[in-house]
Amino acid sequence: MDDSLTTYDKLNEDIQFTEDETRELLNLSEKEILVLILSELKKITADKN
């Protein structure tokens, strides 16, 4: 379980939002949020390969 916490901490350090970005994110629909998450995951996996 330590590995997952370490991974989360690393990701959390990279995820920094301005106040305006936070407001925009809060206005997204569930579908838009899922698309955003999936696109970011795709970028991460592409960078690892």
PDB file of N, CA and C in Angstrom:
ATOM      1  N   MET A   1       0.826  -1.203   0.000  1.00  0.00           N
ATOM      2  CA  MET A   1       0.000   0.000   0.000  1.00  0.00           C
ATOM      3  C   MET A   1       0.864   1.258   0.000  1.00  0.00           C
ATOM      4  N   ASP A   2       2.059   1.158   0.494  1.00  0.00           N
ATOM      5  CA  ASP A   2       2.953   2.311   0.483  1.00  0.00           C
ATOM      6  C   ASP A   2       3.208   2.810  -0.932  1.00  0.00           C
ATOM      7  N   ASP A   3       3.298   1.872  -1.889  1.00  0.00           N
ATOM      8  CA  ASP A   3       3.552   2.266  -3.270  1.00  0.00           C
ATOM      9  C   ASP A   3       2.442   3.146  -3.817  1.00  0.00           C
ATOM     10  N   SER A   4       1.196   2.781  -3.525  1.00  0.00           N
ATOM     11  CA  SER A   4       0.083   3.573  -4.037  1.00  0.00           C
ATOM     12  C   SER A   4       0.071   4.965  -3.397  1.00  0.00           C
ATOM     13  N   LEU A   5       0.418   5.044  -2.131  1.00  0.00           N
ATOM     14  CA  LEU A   5       0.486   6.355  -1.473  1.00  0.00           C
ATOM     15  C   LEU A   5       1.597   7.200  -2.071  1.00  0.00           C
ATOM     16  N   THR A   6       2.726   6.587  -2.355  1.00  0.00           N
ATOM     17  CA  THR A   6       3.842   7.300  -2.964  1.00  0.00           C
ATOM     18  C   THR A   6       3.448   7.815  -4.341  1.00  0.00           C
ATOM     19  N   THR A   7       2.789   6.967  -5.112  1.00  0.00           N
ATOM     20  CA  THR A   7       2.327   7.368  -6.439  1.00  0.00           C
ATOM     21  C   THR A   7       1.368   8.536  -6.332  1.00  0.00           C
ATOM     22  N   TYR A   8       0.440   8.448  -5.396  1.00  0.00           N
ATOM     23  CA  TYR A   8      -0.529   9.532  -5.214  1.00  0.00           C
ATOM     24  C   TYR A   8       0.183  10.826  -4.826  1.00  0.00           C
ATOM     25  N   ASP A   9       1.145  10.746  -3.921  1.00  0.00           N
ATOM     26  CA  ASP A   9       1.879  11.942  -3.506  1.00  0.00           C
ATOM     27  C   ASP A   9       2.590  12.588  -4.695  1.00  0.00           C
ATOM     28  N   LYS A  10       3.203  11.772  -5.547  1.00  0.00           N
ATOM     29  CA  LYS A  10       3.897  12.314  -6.722  1.00  0.00           C
ATOM     30  C   LYS A  10       2.920  12.999  -7.656  1.00  0.00           C
ATOM     31  N   LEU A  11       1.774  12.355  -7.897  1.00  0.00           N
ATOM     32  CA  LEU A  11       0.761  12.964  -8.770  1.00  0.00           C
ATOM     33  C   LEU A  11       0.204  14.233  -8.150  1.00  0.00           C
ATOM     34  N   ASN A  12      -0.033  14.190  -6.862  1.00  0.00           N
ATOM     35  CA  ASN A  12      -0.598  15.337  -6.164  1.00  0.00           C
ATOM     36  C   ASN A  12       0.325  16.550  -6.263  1.00  0.00           C
ATOM     37  N   GLU A  13       1.625  16.327  -6.232  1.00  0.00           N
ATOM     38  CA  GLU A  13       2.570  17.431  -6.361  1.00  0.00           C
ATOM     39  C   GLU A  13       2.487  18.072  -7.739  1.00  0.00           C
ATOM     40  N   ASP A  14       2.189  17.256  -8.759  1.00  0.00           N
ATOM     41  CA  ASP A  14       2.119  17.752 -10.134  1.00  0.00           C
ATOM     42  C   ASP A  14       0.806  18.454 -10.439  1.00  0.00           C
ATOM     43  N   ILE A  15      -0.215  18.191  -9.631  1.00  0.00           N
ATOM     44  CA  ILE A  15      -1.538  18.741  -9.904  1.00  0.00           C
ATOM     45  C   ILE A  15      -1.740  20.009  -9.068  1.00  0.00           C
ATOM     46  N   GLN A  16      -1.546  21.129  -9.715  1.00  0.00           N
ATOM     47  CA  GLN A  16      -1.726  22.421  -9.064  1.00  0.00           C
ATOM     48  C   GLN A  16      -2.643  23.256  -9.940  1.00  0.00           C
ATOM     49  N   PHE A  17      -3.723  23.781  -9.369  1.00  0.00           N
ATOM     50  CA  PHE A  17      -4.674  24.564 -10.140  1.00  0.00           C
ATOM     51  C   PHE A  17      -4.767  25.982  -9.585  1.00  0.00           C
ATOM     52  N   THR A  18      -4.914  26.914 -10.504  1.00  0.00           N
ATOM     53  CA  THR A  18      -5.184  28.290 -10.088  1.00  0.00           C
ATOM     54  C   THR A  18      -6.645  28.375  -9.665  1.00  0.00           C
ATOM     55  N   GLU A  19      -7.024  29.481  -9.073  1.00  0.00           N
ATOM     56  CA  GLU A  19      -8.414  29.669  -8.653  1.00  0.00           C
ATOM     57  C   GLU A  19      -9.355  29.622  -9.861  1.00  0.00           C
ATOM     58  N   ASP A  20      -8.965  30.257 -10.962  1.00  0.00           N
ATOM     59  CA  ASP A  20      -9.798  30.251 -12.173  1.00  0.00           C
ATOM     60  C   ASP A  20      -9.941  28.843 -12.745  1.00  0.00           C
ATOM     61  N   GLU A  21      -8.837  28.097 -12.768  1.00  0.00           N
ATOM     62  CA  GLU A  21      -8.894  26.721 -13.275  1.00  0.00           C
ATOM     63  C   GLU A  21      -9.804  25.859 -12.399  1.00  0.00           C
ATOM     64  N   THR A  22      -9.742  26.070 -11.100  1.00  0.00           N
ATOM     65  CA  THR A  22     -10.589  25.318 -10.177  1.00  0.00           C
ATOM     66  C   THR A  22     -12.051  25.614 -10.442  1.00  0.00           C
ATOM     67  N   ARG A  23     -12.376  26.866 -10.667  1.00  0.00           N
ATOM     68  CA  ARG A  23     -13.770  27.231 -10.969  1.00  0.00           C
ATOM     69  C   ARG A  23     -14.249  26.570 -12.253  1.00  0.00           C
ATOM     70  N   GLU A  24     -13.385  26.565 -13.265  1.00  0.00           N
ATOM     71  CA  GLU A  24     -13.734  25.922 -14.536  1.00  0.00           C
ATOM     72  C   GLU A  24     -13.967  24.426 -14.335  1.00  0.00           C
ATOM     73  N   LEU A  25     -13.101  23.787 -13.566  1.00  0.00           N
ATOM     74  CA  LEU A  25     -13.248  22.353 -13.311  1.00  0.00           C
ATOM     75  C   LEU A  25     -14.547  22.043 -12.578  1.00  0.00           C
ATOM     76  N   LEU A  26     -14.928  22.888 -11.655  1.00  0.00           N
ATOM     77  CA  LEU A  26     -16.152  22.663 -10.893  1.00  0.00           C
ATOM     78  C   LEU A  26     -17.402  22.787 -11.760  1.00  0.00           C
ATOM     79  N   ASN A  27     -17.286  23.480 -12.877  1.00  0.00           N
ATOM     80  CA  ASN A  27     -18.423  23.648 -13.773  1.00  0.00           C
ATOM     81  C   ASN A  27     -18.553  22.531 -14.812  1.00  0.00           C
ATOM     82  N   LEU A  28     -17.585  21.613 -14.845  1.00  0.00           N
ATOM     83  CA  LEU A  28     -17.627  20.536 -15.828  1.00  0.00           C
ATOM     84  C   LEU A  28     -18.667  19.496 -15.453  1.00  0.00           C
ATOM     85  N   SER A  29     -19.219  18.873 -16.474  1.00  0.00           N
ATOM     86  CA  SER A  29     -20.156  17.763 -16.236  1.00  0.00           C
ATOM     87  C   SER A  29     -19.352  16.503 -15.914  1.00  0.00           C
ATOM     88  N   GLU A  30     -20.044  15.495 -15.436  1.00  0.00           N
ATOM     89  CA  GLU A  30     -19.377  14.227 -15.112  1.00  0.00           C
ATOM     90  C   GLU A  30     -18.701  13.644 -16.350  1.00  0.00           C
ATOM     91  N   LYS A  31     -19.368  13.709 -17.483  1.00  0.00           N
ATOM     92  CA  LYS A  31     -18.807  13.166 -18.724  1.00  0.00           C
ATOM     93  C   LYS A  31     -17.537  13.927 -19.119  1.00  0.00           C
ATOM     94  N   GLU A  32     -17.562  15.241 -18.993  1.00  0.00           N
ATOM     95  CA  GLU A  32     -16.392  16.054 -19.336  1.00  0.00           C
ATOM     96  C   GLU A  32     -15.214  15.731 -18.416  1.00  0.00           C
ATOM     97  N   ILE A  33     -15.503  15.503 -17.148  1.00  0.00           N
ATOM     98  CA  ILE A  33     -14.452  15.157 -16.190  1.00  0.00           C
ATOM     99  C   ILE A  33     -13.834  13.811 -16.543  1.00  0.00           C
ATOM    100  N   LEU A  34     -14.674  12.842 -16.884  1.00  0.00           N
ATOM    101  CA  LEU A  34     -14.169  11.527 -17.266  1.00  0.00           C
ATOM    102  C   LEU A  34     -13.300  11.601 -18.515  1.00  0.00           C
ATOM    103  N   VAL A  35     -13.705  12.392 -19.485  1.00  0.00           N
ATOM    104  CA  VAL A  35     -12.910  12.554 -20.709  1.00  0.00           C
ATOM    105  C   VAL A  35     -11.571  13.203 -20.377  1.00  0.00           C
ATOM    106  N   LEU A  36     -11.587  14.191 -19.518  1.00  0.00           N
ATOM    107  CA  LEU A  36     -10.356  14.857 -19.100  1.00  0.00           C
ATOM    108  C   LEU A  36      -9.411  13.879 -18.404  1.00  0.00           C
ATOM    109  N   ILE A  37      -9.947  13.082 -17.490  1.00  0.00           N
ATOM    110  CA  ILE A  37      -9.139  12.095 -16.768  1.00  0.00           C
ATOM    111  C   ILE A  37      -8.544  11.084 -17.743  1.00  0.00           C
ATOM    112  N   LEU A  38      -9.363  10.566 -18.640  1.00  0.00           N
ATOM    113  CA  LEU A  38      -8.882   9.569 -19.597  1.00  0.00           C
ATOM    114  C   LEU A  38      -7.812  10.138 -20.525  1.00  0.00           C
ATOM    115  N   SER A  39      -7.974  11.378 -20.944  1.00  0.00           N
ATOM    116  CA  SER A  39      -6.967  11.978 -21.820  1.00  0.00           C
ATOM    117  C   SER A  39      -5.645  12.178 -21.081  1.00  0.00           C
ATOM    118  N   GLU A  40      -5.716  12.541 -19.802  1.00  0.00           N
ATOM    119  CA  GLU A  40      -4.494  12.697 -19.009  1.00  0.00           C
ATOM    120  C   GLU A  40      -3.816  11.347 -18.782  1.00  0.00           C
ATOM    121  N   LEU A  41      -4.602  10.312 -18.520  1.00  0.00           N
ATOM    122  CA  LEU A  41      -4.040   8.968 -18.353  1.00  0.00           C
ATOM    123  C   LEU A  41      -3.372   8.498 -19.637  1.00  0.00           C
ATOM    124  N   LYS A  42      -3.979   8.814 -20.764  1.00  0.00           N
ATOM    125  CA  LYS A  42      -3.395   8.437 -22.054  1.00  0.00           C
ATOM    126  C   LYS A  42      -2.041   9.121 -22.243  1.00  0.00           C
ATOM    127  N   LYS A  43      -1.950  10.410 -21.872  1.00  0.00           N
ATOM    128  CA  LYS A  43      -0.674  11.139 -21.962  1.00  0.00           C
ATOM    129  C   LYS A  43       0.378  10.498 -21.069  1.00  0.00           C
ATOM    130  N   ILE A  44      -0.014  10.150 -19.848  1.00  0.00           N
ATOM    131  CA  ILE A  44       0.925   9.556 -18.883  1.00  0.00           C
ATOM    132  C   ILE A  44       1.464   8.235 -19.416  1.00  0.00           C
ATOM    133  N   THR A  45       0.569   7.384 -19.919  1.00  0.00           N
ATOM    134  CA  THR A  45       1.016   6.081 -20.419  1.00  0.00           C
ATOM    135  C   THR A  45       1.842   6.236 -21.690  1.00  0.00           C
ATOM    136  N   ALA A  46       1.538   7.217 -22.517  1.00  0.00           N
ATOM    137  CA  ALA A  46       2.331   7.460 -23.716  1.00  0.00           C
ATOM    138  C   ALA A  46       3.739   7.924 -23.353  1.00  0.00           C
ATOM    139  N   ASP A  47       3.859   8.744 -22.304  1.00  0.00           N
ATOM    140  CA  ASP A  47       5.166   9.229 -21.857  1.00  0.00           C
ATOM    141  C   ASP A  47       6.031   8.104 -21.307  1.00  0.00           C
ATOM    142  N   LYS A  48       5.391   7.104 -20.688  1.00  0.00           N
ATOM    143  CA  LYS A  48       6.140   5.983 -20.108  1.00  0.00           C
ATOM    144  C   LYS A  48       6.654   5.054 -21.187  1.00  0.00           C
ATOM    145  N   ASN A  49       5.989   5.044 -22.355  1.00  0.00           N
ATOM    146  CA  ASN A  49       6.409   4.159 -23.454  1.00  0.00           C
ATOM    147  C   ASN A  49       7.332   4.903 -24.342  1.00  0.00           C
TER     148      ASN A  49
END
